[in-house]
Protein backbone atom coordinates (compact mmCIF):
# COMPACT_ATOMS: atom_id res chain seq x y z
CA MET A 1 0.00 0.00 0.00
CA LEU A 2 1.68 3.20 -1.14
CA GLY A 3 1.25 6.63 0.39
CA CYS A 4 -1.49 5.68 2.89
CA PHE A 5 -2.33 8.59 5.23
CA ALA A 6 -4.81 8.91 8.07
CA ARG A 7 -5.98 12.48 8.83
CA HIS A 8 -7.84 14.01 11.72
CA GLY A 9 -7.73 17.81 11.85
CA LEU A 10 -4.10 18.82 12.35
CA LEU A 11 -3.13 15.29 13.31
CA VAL A 12 -1.36 13.53 10.47
CA ALA A 13 -0.38 9.88 10.83
CA ILE A 14 1.71 8.11 8.26
CA CYS A 15 0.33 4.59 8.46
CA CYS A 16 2.89 2.94 6.22
CA SER A 17 6.39 1.97 7.21
CA LEU A 18 9.08 4.15 5.68
CA GLY A 19 9.94 1.37 3.31
CA LEU A 20 6.49 1.70 1.73
CA THR A 21 5.92 5.44 1.90
CA SER A 22 5.64 7.41 -1.36
CA PHE A 23 8.79 9.47 -1.53
CA SER A 24 9.04 12.92 -3.05
CA SER A 25 10.91 13.27 -6.32
CA VAL A 26 11.42 17.03 -6.00
CA ALA A 27 15.13 17.85 -5.96
CA PRO A 28 16.45 20.43 -3.48
CA THR A 29 17.45 23.71 -5.06
CA GLN A 30 20.19 24.95 -2.70
CA PRO A 31 23.38 23.26 -1.46
CA SER A 32 23.10 22.12 2.15
CA ARG A 33 25.85 20.66 4.31
CA PHE A 34 25.49 18.65 7.48
CA ILE A 35 27.72 16.90 9.98
CA LEU A 36 26.71 13.35 10.89
CA LEU A 37 27.77 11.84 14.23
CA SER A 38 28.75 8.18 14.47
CA GLU A 39 28.75 6.38 17.82
CA ARG A 40 30.72 3.29 16.80
CA PRO A 41 33.34 4.17 15.83
CA PRO A 42 33.33 7.70 17.35
CA ALA A 43 33.50 9.78 14.19
CA ILE A 44 32.01 12.67 12.22
CA ILE A 45 31.04 12.77 8.55
CA GLU A 46 30.40 15.81 6.35
CA PHE A 47 27.42 15.24 4.10
CA ASP A 48 25.69 17.17 1.30
CA PRO A 49 22.43 15.56 0.08
CA THR A 50 22.16 17.94 -2.88
CA LEU A 51 25.11 16.29 -4.64
CA PRO A 52 24.90 13.09 -6.72
CA LYS A 53 24.57 9.96 -4.56
CA ASN A 54 28.18 8.86 -4.99
CA GLN A 55 29.49 12.32 -4.00
CA GLN A 56 27.32 13.13 -0.98
CA THR A 57 29.84 11.99 1.65
CA LEU A 58 32.49 14.72 1.51
CA ARG A 59 34.91 13.73 4.28
CA SER A 60 35.06 11.87 7.58
CA ALA A 61 37.30 11.76 10.63
CA ARG A 62 37.66 9.89 13.91
CA LEU A 63 37.00 11.84 17.08
CA PRO A 64 40.02 12.02 19.43
CA ILE A 65 38.20 10.41 22.36
CA GLN A 66 38.04 6.93 23.85
CA ASP A 67 35.59 4.37 22.56
CA PHE A 68 32.62 4.22 24.95
CA ALA A 69 31.04 1.31 23.03
CA ASN A 70 27.23 1.70 23.10
CA LYS A 71 27.47 4.67 25.49
CA GLY A 72 29.48 6.88 23.14
CA PRO A 73 28.71 10.04 21.13
CA GLU A 74 24.99 10.72 21.09
CA GLY A 75 24.27 14.44 20.61
CA ILE A 76 25.77 17.05 18.29
CA ALA A 77 25.40 20.82 17.92
CA PHE A 78 27.22 23.55 15.99
CA LEU A 79 28.51 26.81 17.49
CA PRO A 80 29.30 29.26 14.63
CA ASN A 81 32.42 31.39 14.88
CA ALA A 82 30.32 34.56 14.86
CA ASP A 83 28.59 33.43 18.05
CA ALA A 84 31.75 31.96 19.58
CA LYS A 85 33.38 35.38 19.34
CA THR A 86 30.74 36.83 21.67
CA PHE A 87 31.77 34.19 24.25
CA ASP A 88 35.46 35.18 23.93
CA LEU A 89 36.32 31.99 22.06
CA PRO A 90 38.85 32.20 19.21
CA PRO A 91 37.63 31.44 15.67
CA VAL A 92 38.37 27.96 14.38
CA GLU A 93 38.52 26.29 11.00
CA GLY A 94 35.36 24.73 9.62
CA LYS A 95 33.18 27.80 10.39
CA GLY A 96 32.75 26.97 14.07
CA TYR A 97 32.93 24.55 16.98
CA ILE A 98 31.36 21.10 16.85
CA ILE A 99 29.82 20.26 20.24
CA VAL A 100 29.44 16.55 21.02
CA SER A 101 27.83 14.89 24.03
CA ILE A 102 28.67 11.44 25.37
CA GLU A 103 25.87 9.15 26.53
CA ALA A 104 28.03 7.63 29.29
CA LYS A 105 28.54 10.91 31.15
CA GLY A 106 27.31 14.48 31.48
CA LEU A 107 30.17 15.92 29.46
CA LEU A 108 30.39 18.14 26.38
CA TYR A 109 33.34 18.15 23.97
CA PHE A 110 34.16 21.21 21.84
CA PHE A 111 35.95 20.15 18.65
CA GLU A 112 37.48 21.90 15.66
CA TRP A 113 37.42 20.12 12.30
CA GLN A 114 40.56 21.46 10.70
CA ASN A 115 41.08 22.03 6.99
CA ASN A 116 43.71 19.27 6.90
CA GLY A 117 41.05 16.77 7.98
CA ALA A 118 42.16 16.35 11.59
CA VAL A 119 39.79 16.87 14.52
CA LYS A 120 41.18 18.87 17.44
CA LEU A 121 39.68 18.85 20.92
CA HIS A 122 39.77 22.37 22.37
CA PHE A 123 38.08 21.87 25.75
CA THR A 124 35.28 20.08 27.61
CA ARG A 125 32.48 21.24 29.89
CA ASN A 126 30.71 19.27 32.61
CA LEU A 127 26.97 19.57 33.05
CA PRO A 128 26.60 19.25 36.84
CA GLN A 129 22.86 18.46 36.72
CA ILE A 130 23.25 15.63 34.20
CA GLN A 131 25.28 12.53 34.97
CA THR A 132 24.46 10.37 31.95
CA ASP A 133 22.22 9.81 28.91
CA ILE A 134 22.53 13.10 27.03
CA ALA A 135 20.54 12.10 23.97
CA ALA A 136 20.30 15.32 21.96
CA LEU A 137 21.76 18.82 21.67
CA GLN A 138 20.72 21.98 19.89
CA TYR A 139 22.47 25.35 19.90
CA GLN A 140 20.35 28.35 19.01
CA ALA A 141 21.12 32.06 19.44
CA GLY A 142 23.05 31.90 22.70
CA THR A 143 21.10 28.96 24.13
CA LEU A 144 22.17 25.32 24.35
CA TRP A 145 19.28 22.85 24.65
CA VAL A 146 20.22 19.50 26.22
CA MET A 147 17.91 16.48 26.25
CA ALA A 148 18.54 14.00 29.09
CA THR A 149 16.51 10.92 28.24
CA SER A 150 16.85 8.92 31.47
CA GLN A 151 15.80 11.97 33.51
CA HIS A 152 12.90 12.72 31.13
CA GLN A 153 13.92 16.37 31.05
CA LEU A 154 15.02 19.13 28.69
CA TYR A 155 17.64 21.55 30.02
CA GLU A 156 18.04 25.11 28.78
CA TYR A 157 21.57 26.50 29.27
CA ASP A 158 22.78 30.01 28.69
CA MET A 159 25.91 29.35 26.63
CA ALA A 160 27.89 32.33 27.95
CA THR A 161 27.26 31.29 31.56
CA LEU A 162 27.98 27.62 30.85
CA LEU A 163 31.32 28.42 29.22
CA ALA A 164 32.36 30.84 31.96
CA THR A 165 31.29 29.03 35.12
CA ASN A 166 29.81 25.56 34.41
CA ALA A 167 26.67 26.95 36.03
CA PRO A 168 23.41 24.98 36.28
CA ALA A 169 20.74 25.28 33.59
CA ARG A 170 18.61 28.41 33.67
CA ALA A 171 15.47 26.30 33.13
CA VAL A 172 14.48 22.62 33.26
CA TYR A 173 11.37 21.24 31.51
CA PRO A 174 9.81 17.81 32.19
CA LEU A 175 8.86 15.59 29.29
CA ASP A 176 5.77 14.45 31.20
CA ALA A 177 4.06 17.61 29.95
CA ILE A 178 3.57 15.81 26.64
CA GLU A 179 2.72 12.18 27.47
CA SER A 180 4.42 9.64 29.67
CA ARG A 181 5.00 7.26 26.77
CA TYR A 182 7.28 9.83 25.10
CA ALA A 183 10.16 8.89 27.33
CA ASP A 184 12.77 7.89 24.77
CA ILE A 185 13.31 11.20 22.99
CA GLU A 186 16.45 10.84 20.86
CA GLY A 187 16.33 14.13 18.97
CA ILE A 188 14.83 17.60 19.18
CA PHE A 189 14.71 20.66 16.99
CA ILE A 190 13.15 23.82 18.35
CA ARG A 191 12.04 25.95 15.45
CA GLN A 192 11.20 29.34 16.87
CA PRO A 193 8.79 30.90 17.37
CA THR A 194 5.89 28.49 16.89
CA THR A 195 6.75 24.80 16.64
CA SER A 196 9.16 22.11 17.76
CA ILE A 197 9.78 18.61 16.51
CA LEU A 198 10.74 15.58 18.61
CA VAL A 199 12.20 12.25 17.54
CA ASN A 200 10.72 9.50 19.70
CA ASP A 201 12.72 6.28 19.38
CA LEU A 202 10.54 4.10 21.64
CA ALA A 203 7.24 4.94 19.93
CA GLN A 204 8.89 5.21 16.48
CA GLU A 205 7.45 8.64 15.79
CA LEU A 206 8.23 12.18 14.78
CA LEU A 207 6.09 14.60 16.77
CA ILE A 208 5.54 18.22 15.89
CA ILE A 209 4.24 20.22 18.83
CA ASP A 210 3.67 23.86 19.69
CA THR A 211 6.61 25.86 21.05
CA TYR A 212 8.39 23.38 23.27
CA SER A 213 9.51 25.40 26.28
CA ASP A 214 6.26 27.39 26.44
CA CYS A 215 3.99 24.36 26.38
CA LEU A 216 6.12 22.54 28.94
CA GLU A 217 5.90 25.47 31.33
CA ASP A 218 2.10 25.33 31.08
CA PHE A 219 1.91 21.50 31.00
CA ASN A 220 -0.25 21.90 27.90
CA CYS A 221 1.58 20.64 24.81
CA GLN A 222 -0.48 20.19 21.66
CA VAL A 223 0.57 17.65 19.03
CA LEU A 224 0.15 19.39 15.68
CA GLN A 225 1.40 16.56 13.47
CA ARG A 226 2.41 12.97 14.07
CA PHE A 227 4.52 10.90 11.68
CA GLU A 228 4.53 7.23 12.68
CA HIS A 229 6.45 4.04 11.90
CA ILE A 230 9.90 5.66 12.02
CA PRO A 231 12.15 2.76 13.14
CA ASP A 232 15.00 3.57 15.56
CA ALA A 233 14.81 7.32 14.99
CA SER A 234 17.89 9.03 16.37
CA ASP A 235 18.08 12.76 15.54
CA ILE A 236 16.71 15.60 13.43
CA THR A 237 17.78 19.02 12.14
CA TRP A 238 16.49 21.79 9.90
CA ASP A 239 17.61 22.41 6.30
CA GLU A 240 17.22 26.19 6.11
CA HIS A 241 18.21 26.43 2.44
CA ASN A 242 15.51 24.01 1.31
CA GLN A 243 12.96 24.54 4.12
CA ARG A 244 12.68 20.93 5.27
CA PHE A 245 13.63 18.68 8.16
CA ILE A 246 16.40 16.09 7.82
CA PHE A 247 16.25 13.11 10.16
CA LEU A 248 17.99 9.79 10.83
CA SER A 249 16.40 6.35 11.08
CA ARG A 250 18.31 3.13 11.64
CA ARG A 251 17.17 -0.12 10.00
CA ASN A 252 19.21 -3.31 9.99
CA GLU A 253 22.88 -2.36 9.57
CA PHE A 254 22.24 0.99 7.86
CA THR A 255 21.30 4.45 9.01
CA HIS A 256 18.89 6.03 6.53
CA ILE A 257 18.81 9.80 6.03
CA TYR A 258 15.39 11.24 5.18
CA ALA A 259 13.94 14.64 4.32
CA LEU A 260 10.51 15.66 5.60
CA ASP A 261 8.56 18.42 3.85
CA LEU A 262 5.93 19.78 6.25
CA VAL A 263 3.96 21.49 3.48
CA THR A 264 3.49 18.47 1.23
CA GLU A 265 3.90 15.95 4.11
CA GLU A 266 6.22 13.92 1.90
CA ILE A 267 9.21 11.94 3.12
CA GLU A 268 12.15 11.40 0.79
CA GLU A 269 15.05 9.05 1.36
CA LEU A 270 18.26 10.96 0.65
CA HIS A 271 20.98 8.46 1.48
CA LYS A 272 21.90 5.47 3.62
CA ILE A 273 25.20 4.83 5.35
CA TRP A 274 26.53 1.62 6.84
CA SER A 275 27.24 3.16 10.23
CA ASP A 276 25.62 3.67 13.62
CA LEU A 277 24.71 7.34 13.22
CA GLU A 278 23.29 9.04 16.31
CA GLY A 279 23.32 12.73 15.44
CA ILE A 280 23.00 15.29 12.65
CA VAL A 281 23.51 19.07 12.60
CA ALA A 282 23.39 21.64 9.81
CA ILE A 283 26.40 23.80 9.00
CA PRO A 284 25.17 27.41 8.57
């Protein structure tokens, strides 16, 4: 059964598995580059889905950290040089700092991907309120969002304060404001000012809700759209150039990279990689 949809008001449920969904054939119009995060081995991959299939993987590099096995790199965010300057950080190659979290501990790594291909670790930061299970990161305009799955909470850090003092989060939001079954959130993208999207590994869903922090404060989160049957979903980001979400879904030995168009509600498979990918972030 191809392209089967169930609709109820703003609720949209894709009732086919991704392997059976009708994919969009519309090609993106603008180049877009992303960094993919691999857990095993700990590595990063630069990826451009607008290029021909055999040219989409641009480069890759091992991360200079120990191998944490299945508790390794889990979250990734990008801190542009323009923002880093406001925090008194020196500019680095690759347009900015790559921030990586480790599932085994509440620790952030700040890397530079140098032009010669090497990855340099500049410094780390502890998150005193989080001991383990950092599942997702997002940096946005001076704020670092940190999703701690085992604690069922989203932490909002002021980046300047975090870098200067390792201070606690300025706000903490419980996931129970949505529904208790949404406990295994593996990815988040907060798209200001109106909507957020969550990647729920346990329920195999993508959920689009109203502004995340606002609805959590009021314990009144409304699901605007629901995309189901997303196996082993791990992370999501926004493709600003082509106005679409890009998300990861692991099936068998491959991680599949998909694009989601919220206007047409179409999902397109962009690529698949034989690797355990856990994170994706756009390069501005």
